[in-house]
Amino acid sequence: GVLQQADTPLNLYDRPANLFVAGFIGSPAMNLVAAHSKEGKAL
């Protein structure tokens, strides 16, 4: 019931506002990987 993001299709695909939009938009879906941030890198 809550609006997550409203944008052009390309902006939704290239710049999803949050994890839900990232995982919902795109077929197949975006790969979402748990990581830790350290010294400018994701581990």
All heavy atoms as atom14 arrays in JSON, in Angstrom:
{
  "sequence": "GVLQQADTPLNLYDRPANLFVAGFIGSPAMNLVAAHSKEGKAL",
  "atom14_mask": [
    [1, 1, 1, 1, 0, 0, 0, 0, 0, 0, 0, 0, 0, 0],
    [1, 1, 1, 1, 1, 1, 1, 0, 0, 0, 0, 0, 0, 0],
    [1, 1, 1, 1, 1, 1, 1, 1, 0, 0, 0, 0, 0, 0],
    [1, 1, 1, 1, 1, 1, 1, 1, 1, 0, 0, 0, 0, 0],
    [1, 1, 1, 1, 1, 1, 1, 1, 1, 0, 0, 0, 0, 0],
    [1, 1, 1, 1, 1, 0, 0, 0, 0, 0, 0, 0, 0, 0],
    [1, 1, 1, 1, 1, 1, 1, 1, 0, 0, 0, 0, 0, 0],
    [1, 1, 1, 1, 1, 1, 1, 0, 0, 0, 0, 0, 0, 0],
    [1, 1, 1, 1, 1, 1, 1, 0, 0, 0, 0, 0, 0, 0],
    [1, 1, 1, 1, 1, 1, 1, 1, 0, 0, 0, 0, 0, 0],
    [1, 1, 1, 1, 1, 1, 1, 1, 0, 0, 0, 0, 0, 0],
    [1, 1, 1, 1, 1, 1, 1, 1, 0, 0, 0, 0, 0, 0],
    [1, 1, 1, 1, 1, 1, 1, 1, 1, 1, 1, 1, 0, 0],
    [1, 1, 1, 1, 1, 1, 1, 1, 0, 0, 0, 0, 0, 0],
    [1, 1, 1, 1, 1, 1, 1, 1, 1, 1, 1, 0, 0, 0],
    [1, 1, 1, 1, 1, 1, 1, 0, 0, 0, 0, 0, 0, 0],
    [1, 1, 1, 1, 1, 0, 0, 0, 0, 0, 0, 0, 0, 0],
    [1, 1, 1, 1, 1, 1, 1, 1, 0, 0, 0, 0, 0, 0],
    [1, 1, 1, 1, 1, 1, 1, 1, 0, 0, 0, 0, 0, 0],
    [1, 1, 1, 1, 1, 1, 1, 1, 1, 1, 1, 0, 0, 0],
    [1, 1, 1, 1, 1, 1, 1, 0, 0, 0, 0, 0, 0, 0],
    [1, 1, 1, 1, 1, 0, 0, 0, 0, 0, 0, 0, 0, 0],
    [1, 1, 1, 1, 0, 0, 0, 0, 0, 0, 0, 0, 0, 0],
    [1, 1, 1, 1, 1, 1, 1, 1, 1, 1, 1, 0, 0, 0],
    [1, 1, 1, 1, 1, 1, 1, 1, 0, 0, 0, 0, 0, 0],
    [1, 1, 1, 1, 0, 0, 0, 0, 0, 0, 0, 0, 0, 0],
    [1, 1, 1, 1, 1, 1, 0, 0, 0, 0, 0, 0, 0, 0],
    [1, 1, 1, 1, 1, 1, 1, 0, 0, 0, 0, 0, 0, 0],
    [1, 1, 1, 1, 1, 0, 0, 0, 0, 0, 0, 0, 0, 0],
    [1, 1, 1, 1, 1, 1, 1, 1, 0, 0, 0, 0, 0, 0],
    [1, 1, 1, 1, 1, 1, 1, 1, 0, 0, 0, 0, 0, 0],
    [1, 1, 1, 1, 1, 1, 1, 1, 0, 0, 0, 0, 0, 0],
    [1, 1, 1, 1, 1, 1, 1, 0, 0, 0, 0, 0, 0, 0],
    [1, 1, 1, 1, 1, 0, 0, 0, 0, 0, 0, 0, 0, 0],
    [1, 1, 1, 1, 1, 0, 0, 0, 0, 0, 0, 0, 0, 0],
    [1, 1, 1, 1, 1, 1, 1, 1, 1, 1, 0, 0, 0, 0],
    [1, 1, 1, 1, 1, 1, 0, 0, 0, 0, 0, 0, 0, 0],
    [1, 1, 1, 1, 1, 1, 1, 1, 1, 0, 0, 0, 0, 0],
    [1, 1, 1, 1, 1, 1, 1, 1, 1, 0, 0, 0, 0, 0],
    [1, 1, 1, 1, 0, 0, 0, 0, 0, 0, 0, 0, 0, 0],
    [1, 1, 1, 1, 1, 1, 1, 1, 1, 0, 0, 0, 0, 0],
    [1, 1, 1, 1, 1, 0, 0, 0, 0, 0, 0, 0, 0, 0],
    [1, 1, 1, 1, 1, 1, 1, 1, 0, 0, 0, 0, 0, 0]
  ],
  "atom14_positions": [
    [[0.78, -1.22, 0.0], [0.0, 0.0, 0.0], [0.81, 1.28, 0.0], [0.24, 2.37, 0.03], [0.0, 0.0, 0.0], [0.0, 0.0, 0.0], [0.0, 0.0, 0.0], [0.0, 0.0, 0.0], [0.0, 0.0, 0.0], [0.0, 0.0, 0.0], [0.0, 0.0, 0.0], [0.0, 0.0, 0.0], [0.0, 0.0, 0.0], [0.0, 0.0, 0.0]],
    [[2.13, 1.15, -0.03], [3.0, 2.33, 0.04], [3.76, 2.49, -1.28], [4.33, 1.53, -1.8], [4.01, 2.21, 1.21], [4.95, 3.41, 1.24], [3.28, 2.07, 2.53], [0.0, 0.0, 0.0], [0.0, 0.0, 0.0], [0.0, 0.0, 0.0], [0.0, 0.0, 0.0], [0.0, 0.0, 0.0], [0.0, 0.0, 0.0], [0.0, 0.0, 0.0]],
    [[3.77, 3.71, -1.82], [4.5, 4.0, -3.05], [6.0, 3.94, -2.76], [6.51, 4.64, -1.89], [4.12, 5.39, -3.57], [4.83, 5.86, -4.85], [4.45, 5.0, -6.04], [4.49, 7.33, -5.14], [0.0, 0.0, 0.0], [0.0, 0.0, 0.0], [0.0, 0.0, 0.0], [0.0, 0.0, 0.0], [0.0, 0.0, 0.0], [0.0, 0.0, 0.0]],
    [[6.71, 3.1, -3.51], [8.16, 2.94, -3.31], [8.96, 3.87, -4.21], [9.95, 4.46, -3.8], [8.57, 1.48, -3.61], [7.84, 0.44, -2.78], [8.18, 0.54, -1.31], [9.35, 0.51, -0.93], [7.16, 0.65, -0.47], [0.0, 0.0, 0.0], [0.0, 0.0, 0.0], [0.0, 0.0, 0.0], [0.0, 0.0, 0.0], [0.0, 0.0, 0.0]],
    [[8.53, 4.0, -5.48], [9.24, 4.85, -6.44], [8.36, 5.05, -7.66], [7.66, 4.13, -8.09], [10.56, 4.19, -6.86], [11.46, 5.07, -7.74], [12.81, 4.42, -8.03], [13.09, 3.31, -7.57], [13.64, 5.09, -8.81], [0.0, 0.0, 0.0], [0.0, 0.0, 0.0], [0.0, 0.0, 0.0], [0.0, 0.0, 0.0], [0.0, 0.0, 0.0]],
    [[8.36, 6.25, -8.21], [7.66, 6.55, -9.46], [8.64, 7.24, -10.38], [9.15, 8.32, -10.05], [6.43, 7.42, -9.21], [0.0, 0.0, 0.0], [0.0, 0.0, 0.0], [0.0, 0.0, 0.0], [0.0, 0.0, 0.0], [0.0, 0.0, 0.0], [0.0, 0.0, 0.0], [0.0, 0.0, 0.0], [0.0, 0.0, 0.0], [0.0, 0.0, 0.0]],
    [[8.94, 6.63, -11.51], [9.95, 7.18, -12.41], [9.79, 6.57, -13.79], [8.93, 5.71, -14.01], [11.35, 6.88, -11.86], [12.35, 8.01, -12.17], [12.2, 8.66, -13.23], [13.27, 8.22, -11.36], [0.0, 0.0, 0.0], [0.0, 0.0, 0.0], [0.0, 0.0, 0.0], [0.0, 0.0, 0.0], [0.0, 0.0, 0.0], [0.0, 0.0, 0.0]],
    [[10.62, 7.01, -14.73], [10.6, 6.42, -16.06], [11.09, 4.97, -15.96], [11.85, 4.63, -15.04], [11.51, 7.19, -17.03], [12.88, 7.09, -16.55], [11.1, 8.65, -17.13], [0.0, 0.0, 0.0], [0.0, 0.0, 0.0], [0.0, 0.0, 0.0], [0.0, 0.0, 0.0], [0.0, 0.0, 0.0], [0.0, 0.0, 0.0], [0.0, 0.0, 0.0]],
    [[10.69, 4.1, -16.9], [11.14, 2.7, -16.84], [12.66, 2.57, -16.77], [13.18, 1.77, -15.98], [10.58, 2.11, -18.14], [9.37, 2.91, -18.44], [9.71, 4.31, -17.99], [0.0, 0.0, 0.0], [0.0, 0.0, 0.0], [0.0, 0.0, 0.0], [0.0, 0.0, 0.0], [0.0, 0.0, 0.0], [0.0, 0.0, 0.0], [0.0, 0.0, 0.0]],
    [[13.37, 3.38, -17.54], [14.84, 3.28, -17.57], [15.46, 3.69, -16.24], [16.4, 3.05, -15.75], [15.4, 4.12, -18.72], [16.85, 3.81, -19.13], [16.99, 2.35, -19.53], [17.29, 4.72, -20.27], [0.0, 0.0, 0.0], [0.0, 0.0, 0.0], [0.0, 0.0, 0.0], [0.0, 0.0, 0.0], [0.0, 0.0, 0.0], [0.0, 0.0, 0.0]],
    [[14.93, 4.77, -15.63], [15.46, 5.21, -14.33], [15.17, 4.18, -13.23], [15.99, 3.99, -12.32], [14.88, 6.56, -13.93], [15.56, 7.71, -14.66], [16.62, 7.53, -15.26], [14.95, 8.88, -14.63], [0.0, 0.0, 0.0], [0.0, 0.0, 0.0], [0.0, 0.0, 0.0], [0.0, 0.0, 0.0], [0.0, 0.0, 0.0], [0.0, 0.0, 0.0]],
    [[14.01, 3.55, -13.3], [13.7, 2.5, -12.33], [14.7, 1.35, -12.45], [15.13, 0.78, -11.45], [12.29, 1.93, -12.57], [11.09, 2.68, -12.03], [9.82, 1.94, -12.4], [11.15, 2.83, -10.52], [0.0, 0.0, 0.0], [0.0, 0.0, 0.0], [0.0, 0.0, 0.0], [0.0, 0.0, 0.0], [0.0, 0.0, 0.0], [0.0, 0.0, 0.0]],
    [[15.06, 1.04, -13.67], [15.98, -0.08, -13.92], [17.41, 0.3, -13.53], [18.12, -0.49, -12.91], [15.93, -0.44, -15.41], [16.63, -1.73, -15.76], [15.97, -2.95, -15.61], [17.92, -1.75, -16.27], [16.59, -4.15, -15.93], [18.55, -2.94, -16.59], [17.88, -4.14, -16.43], [18.51, -5.32, -16.75], [0.0, 0.0, 0.0], [0.0, 0.0, 0.0]],
    [[17.82, 1.53, -13.88], [19.2, 1.95, -13.65], [19.46, 2.49, -12.24], [20.59, 2.4, -11.75], [19.6, 3.04, -14.66], [19.78, 2.49, -16.06], [19.94, 1.26, -16.19], [19.76, 3.28, -17.03], [0.0, 0.0, 0.0], [0.0, 0.0, 0.0], [0.0, 0.0, 0.0], [0.0, 0.0, 0.0], [0.0, 0.0, 0.0], [0.0, 0.0, 0.0]],
    [[18.42, 3.07, -11.61], [18.62, 3.68, -10.29], [17.46, 3.34, -9.35], [16.71, 4.22, -8.93], [18.74, 5.19, -10.41], [20.04, 5.67, -11.07], [20.11, 7.2, -11.1], [19.86, 7.8, -9.81], [20.76, 7.87, -8.83], [21.96, 7.37, -9.01], [20.47, 8.44, -7.68], [0.0, 0.0, 0.0], [0.0, 0.0, 0.0], [0.0, 0.0, 0.0]],
    [[17.28, 2.04, -9.03], [16.2, 1.69, -8.1], [16.42, 2.36, -6.75], [17.55, 2.41, -6.24], [16.31, 0.16, -7.99], [17.69, -0.18, -8.46], [18.07, 0.87, -9.45], [0.0, 0.0, 0.0], [0.0, 0.0, 0.0], [0.0, 0.0, 0.0], [0.0, 0.0, 0.0], [0.0, 0.0, 0.0], [0.0, 0.0, 0.0], [0.0, 0.0, 0.0]],
    [[15.35, 2.89, -6.17], [15.45, 3.69, -4.94], [15.71, 2.84, -3.71], [16.23, 3.34, -2.71], [14.17, 4.49, -4.73], [0.0, 0.0, 0.0], [0.0, 0.0, 0.0], [0.0, 0.0, 0.0], [0.0, 0.0, 0.0], [0.0, 0.0, 0.0], [0.0, 0.0, 0.0], [0.0, 0.0, 0.0], [0.0, 0.0, 0.0], [0.0, 0.0, 0.0]],
    [[15.34, 1.57, -3.74], [15.55, 0.71, -2.57], [15.64, -0.76, -2.99], [15.5, -1.09, -4.18], [14.43, 0.93, -1.53], [13.04, 0.7, -2.11], [12.82, -0.23, -2.88], [12.1, 1.54, -1.73], [0.0, 0.0, 0.0], [0.0, 0.0, 0.0], [0.0, 0.0, 0.0], [0.0, 0.0, 0.0], [0.0, 0.0, 0.0], [0.0, 0.0, 0.0]],
    [[15.87, -1.61, -2.02], [16.06, -3.04, -2.28], [14.83, -3.68, -2.92], [14.96, -4.54, -3.8], [16.37, -3.77, -0.97], [17.84, -3.9, -0.58], [17.95, -4.47, 0.83], [18.58, -4.77, -1.57], [0.0, 0.0, 0.0], [0.0, 0.0, 0.0], [0.0, 0.0, 0.0], [0.0, 0.0, 0.0], [0.0, 0.0, 0.0], [0.0, 0.0, 0.0]],
    [[13.63, -3.26, -2.5], [12.42, -3.87, -3.06], [12.31, -3.59, -4.56], [12.07, -4.5, -5.35], [11.17, -3.37, -2.34], [9.9, -3.9, -2.98], [9.5, -5.2, -2.75], [9.16, -3.1, -3.84], [8.36, -5.7, -3.36], [8.02, -3.59, -4.45], [7.61, -4.9, -4.21], [0.0, 0.0, 0.0], [0.0, 0.0, 0.0], [0.0, 0.0, 0.0]],
    [[12.49, -2.33, -4.94], [12.39, -1.97, -6.37], [13.48, -2.68, -7.16], [13.24, -3.17, -8.27], [12.49, -0.44, -6.55], [12.45, -0.07, -8.03], [11.34, 0.27, -5.82], [0.0, 0.0, 0.0], [0.0, 0.0, 0.0], [0.0, 0.0, 0.0], [0.0, 0.0, 0.0], [0.0, 0.0, 0.0], [0.0, 0.0, 0.0], [0.0, 0.0, 0.0]],
    [[14.68, -2.75, -6.6], [15.8, -3.42, -7.27], [15.48, -4.87, -7.57], [15.75, -5.38, -8.67], [17.06, -3.32, -6.4], [0.0, 0.0, 0.0], [0.0, 0.0, 0.0], [0.0, 0.0, 0.0], [0.0, 0.0, 0.0], [0.0, 0.0, 0.0], [0.0, 0.0, 0.0], [0.0, 0.0, 0.0], [0.0, 0.0, 0.0], [0.0, 0.0, 0.0]],
    [[14.87, -5.55, -6.6], [14.55, -6.96, -6.78], [13.32, -7.2, -7.62], [13.17, -8.26, -8.23], [0.0, 0.0, 0.0], [0.0, 0.0, 0.0], [0.0, 0.0, 0.0], [0.0, 0.0, 0.0], [0.0, 0.0, 0.0], [0.0, 0.0, 0.0], [0.0, 0.0, 0.0], [0.0, 0.0, 0.0], [0.0, 0.0, 0.0], [0.0, 0.0, 0.0]],
    [[12.42, -6.2, -7.67], [11.15, -6.39, -8.39], [11.27, -6.06, -9.87], [10.7, -6.73, -10.72], [10.05, -5.53, -7.75], [8.69, -5.8, -8.32], [7.97, -6.91, -7.9], [8.13, -4.96, -9.27], [6.71, -7.18, -8.44], [6.89, -5.22, -9.81], [6.17, -6.34, -9.4], [0.0, 0.0, 0.0], [0.0, 0.0, 0.0], [0.0, 0.0, 0.0]],
    [[12.0, -5.0, -10.19], [12.11, -4.55, -11.58], [13.28, -5.25, -12.27], [14.41, -5.19, -11.81], [12.29, -3.01, -11.65], [11.05, -2.3, -11.09], [12.58, -2.56, -13.07], [9.79, -2.48, -11.88], [0.0, 0.0, 0.0], [0.0, 0.0, 0.0], [0.0, 0.0, 0.0], [0.0, 0.0, 0.0], [0.0, 0.0, 0.0], [0.0, 0.0, 0.0]],
    [[12.99, -5.87, -13.39], [14.02, -6.58, -14.14], [13.67, -8.04, -14.27], [13.19, -8.66, -13.32], [0.0, 0.0, 0.0], [0.0, 0.0, 0.0], [0.0, 0.0, 0.0], [0.0, 0.0, 0.0], [0.0, 0.0, 0.0], [0.0, 0.0, 0.0], [0.0, 0.0, 0.0], [0.0, 0.0, 0.0], [0.0, 0.0, 0.0], [0.0, 0.0, 0.0]],
    [[13.88, -8.61, -15.45], [13.6, -10.02, -15.68], [14.69, -10.63, -16.56], [14.82, -10.22, -17.71], [12.23, -10.19, -16.36], [11.92, -11.54, -16.56], [0.0, 0.0, 0.0], [0.0, 0.0, 0.0], [0.0, 0.0, 0.0], [0.0, 0.0, 0.0], [0.0, 0.0, 0.0], [0.0, 0.0, 0.0], [0.0, 0.0, 0.0], [0.0, 0.0, 0.0]],
    [[15.5, -11.56, -16.01], [15.52, -12.06, -14.64], [15.87, -10.94, -13.65], [16.39, -9.9, -14.04], [16.62, -13.12, -14.67], [16.84, -13.46, -16.09], [16.52, -12.22, -16.85], [0.0, 0.0, 0.0], [0.0, 0.0, 0.0], [0.0, 0.0, 0.0], [0.0, 0.0, 0.0], [0.0, 0.0, 0.0], [0.0, 0.0, 0.0], [0.0, 0.0, 0.0]],
    [[15.59, -11.21, -12.39], [15.78, -10.2, -11.35], [17.26, -9.9, -11.12], [18.13, -10.7, -11.45], [15.13, -10.67, -10.05], [0.0, 0.0, 0.0], [0.0, 0.0, 0.0], [0.0, 0.0, 0.0], [0.0, 0.0, 0.0], [0.0, 0.0, 0.0], [0.0, 0.0, 0.0], [0.0, 0.0, 0.0], [0.0, 0.0, 0.0], [0.0, 0.0, 0.0]],
    [[17.5, -8.73, -10.53], [18.86, -8.35, -10.14], [19.41, -9.35, -9.12], [18.69, -9.86, -8.27], [18.82, -6.95, -9.52], [20.19, -6.4, -9.12], [20.04, -4.82, -8.23], [19.66, -3.68, -9.54], [0.0, 0.0, 0.0], [0.0, 0.0, 0.0], [0.0, 0.0, 0.0], [0.0, 0.0, 0.0], [0.0, 0.0, 0.0], [0.0, 0.0, 0.0]],
    [[20.72, -9.66, -9.23], [21.39, -10.47, -8.22], [21.64, -9.58, -7.0], [22.3, -8.55, -7.11], [22.74, -10.97, -8.76], [22.59, -11.89, -9.95], [22.27, -13.06, -9.8], [22.82, -11.35, -11.16], [0.0, 0.0, 0.0], [0.0, 0.0, 0.0], [0.0, 0.0, 0.0], [0.0, 0.0, 0.0], [0.0, 0.0, 0.0], [0.0, 0.0, 0.0]],
    [[21.12, -9.97, -5.85], [21.3, -9.21, -4.61], [22.15, -10.04, -3.65], [21.75, -11.15, -3.25], [19.95, -8.87, -3.99], [19.07, -7.92, -4.84], [17.67, -7.82, -4.26], [19.7, -6.55, -4.97], [0.0, 0.0, 0.0], [0.0, 0.0, 0.0], [0.0, 0.0, 0.0], [0.0, 0.0, 0.0], [0.0, 0.0, 0.0], [0.0, 0.0, 0.0]],
    [[23.31, -9.5, -3.29], [24.31, -10.25, -2.54], [24.66, -9.51, -1.24], [24.97, -8.32, -1.26], [25.59, -10.43, -3.39], [26.6, -11.29, -2.66], [25.27, -11.02, -4.76], [0.0, 0.0, 0.0], [0.0, 0.0, 0.0], [0.0, 0.0, 0.0], [0.0, 0.0, 0.0], [0.0, 0.0, 0.0], [0.0, 0.0, 0.0], [0.0, 0.0, 0.0]],
    [[24.61, -10.23, -0.12], [24.98, -9.64, 1.18], [26.49, -9.41, 1.21], [27.27, -10.25, 0.78], [24.56, -10.58, 2.3], [0.0, 0.0, 0.0], [0.0, 0.0, 0.0], [0.0, 0.0, 0.0], [0.0, 0.0, 0.0], [0.0, 0.0, 0.0], [0.0, 0.0, 0.0], [0.0, 0.0, 0.0], [0.0, 0.0, 0.0], [0.0, 0.0, 0.0]],
    [[26.9, -8.24, 1.73], [28.33, -7.9, 1.74], [28.65, -7.02, 2.94], [27.76, -6.57, 3.67], [28.71, -7.2, 0.44], [0.0, 0.0, 0.0], [0.0, 0.0, 0.0], [0.0, 0.0, 0.0], [0.0, 0.0, 0.0], [0.0, 0.0, 0.0], [0.0, 0.0, 0.0], [0.0, 0.0, 0.0], [0.0, 0.0, 0.0], [0.0, 0.0, 0.0]],
    [[29.94, -6.76, 3.13], [30.41, -5.83, 4.15], [31.24, -4.76, 3.45], [32.0, -5.04, 2.53], [31.27, -6.54, 5.2], [30.52, -7.55, 5.99], [29.65, -7.21, 7.0], [30.49, -8.9, 5.91], [29.12, -8.3, 7.51], [29.62, -9.35, 6.86], [0.0, 0.0, 0.0], [0.0, 0.0, 0.0], [0.0, 0.0, 0.0], [0.0, 0.0, 0.0]],
    [[31.09, -3.52, 3.91], [31.84, -2.41, 3.33], [33.17, -2.25, 4.07], [33.21, -2.22, 5.3], [31.02, -1.12, 3.44], [31.74, -0.04, 2.93], [0.0, 0.0, 0.0], [0.0, 0.0, 0.0], [0.0, 0.0, 0.0], [0.0, 0.0, 0.0], [0.0, 0.0, 0.0], [0.0, 0.0, 0.0], [0.0, 0.0, 0.0], [0.0, 0.0, 0.0]],
    [[34.26, -2.17, 3.28], [35.57, -2.0, 3.9], [36.51, -1.31, 2.93], [36.76, -1.78, 1.82], [36.16, -3.37, 4.29], [37.47, -3.26, 5.06], [37.99, -4.65, 5.43], [39.31, -4.53, 6.18], [39.88, -5.86, 6.49], [0.0, 0.0, 0.0], [0.0, 0.0, 0.0], [0.0, 0.0, 0.0], [0.0, 0.0, 0.0], [0.0, 0.0, 0.0]],
    [[37.01, -0.11, 3.34], [38.01, 0.64, 2.58], [37.6, 0.83, 1.11], [38.39, 0.58, 0.18], [39.37, -0.07, 2.66], [39.92, -0.12, 4.07], [41.19, -0.97, 4.17], [41.62, -1.5, 3.14], [41.71, -1.09, 5.29], [0.0, 0.0, 0.0], [0.0, 0.0, 0.0], [0.0, 0.0, 0.0], [0.0, 0.0, 0.0], [0.0, 0.0, 0.0]],
    [[36.36, 1.27, 0.92], [35.91, 1.6, -0.44], [35.56, 0.41, -1.29], [35.35, 0.54, -2.5], [0.0, 0.0, 0.0], [0.0, 0.0, 0.0], [0.0, 0.0, 0.0], [0.0, 0.0, 0.0], [0.0, 0.0, 0.0], [0.0, 0.0, 0.0], [0.0, 0.0, 0.0], [0.0, 0.0, 0.0], [0.0, 0.0, 0.0], [0.0, 0.0, 0.0]],
    [[35.51, -0.77, -0.68], [35.16, -1.98, -1.42], [34.06, -2.73, -0.68], [33.86, -2.56, 0.52], [36.39, -2.89, -1.6], [37.46, -2.33, -2.52], [38.58, -3.34, -2.71], [39.57, -2.89, -3.78], [40.24, -1.65, -3.46], [0.0, 0.0, 0.0], [0.0, 0.0, 0.0], [0.0, 0.0, 0.0], [0.0, 0.0, 0.0], [0.0, 0.0, 0.0]],
    [[33.34, -3.57, -1.42], [32.37, -4.47, -0.82], [32.99, -5.85, -0.76], [33.47, -6.36, -1.77], [31.09, -4.5, -1.65], [0.0, 0.0, 0.0], [0.0, 0.0, 0.0], [0.0, 0.0, 0.0], [0.0, 0.0, 0.0], [0.0, 0.0, 0.0], [0.0, 0.0, 0.0], [0.0, 0.0, 0.0], [0.0, 0.0, 0.0], [0.0, 0.0, 0.0]],
    [[32.98, -6.44, 0.4], [33.55, -7.78, 0.57], [32.43, -8.82, 0.58], [31.55, -8.81, 1.44], [34.34, -7.87, 1.88], [35.62, -7.03, 1.97], [36.28, -7.24, 3.33], [36.59, -7.41, 0.87], [0.0, 0.0, 0.0], [0.0, 0.0, 0.0], [0.0, 0.0, 0.0], [0.0, 0.0, 0.0], [0.0, 0.0, 0.0], [0.0, 0.0, 0.0]]
  ]
}
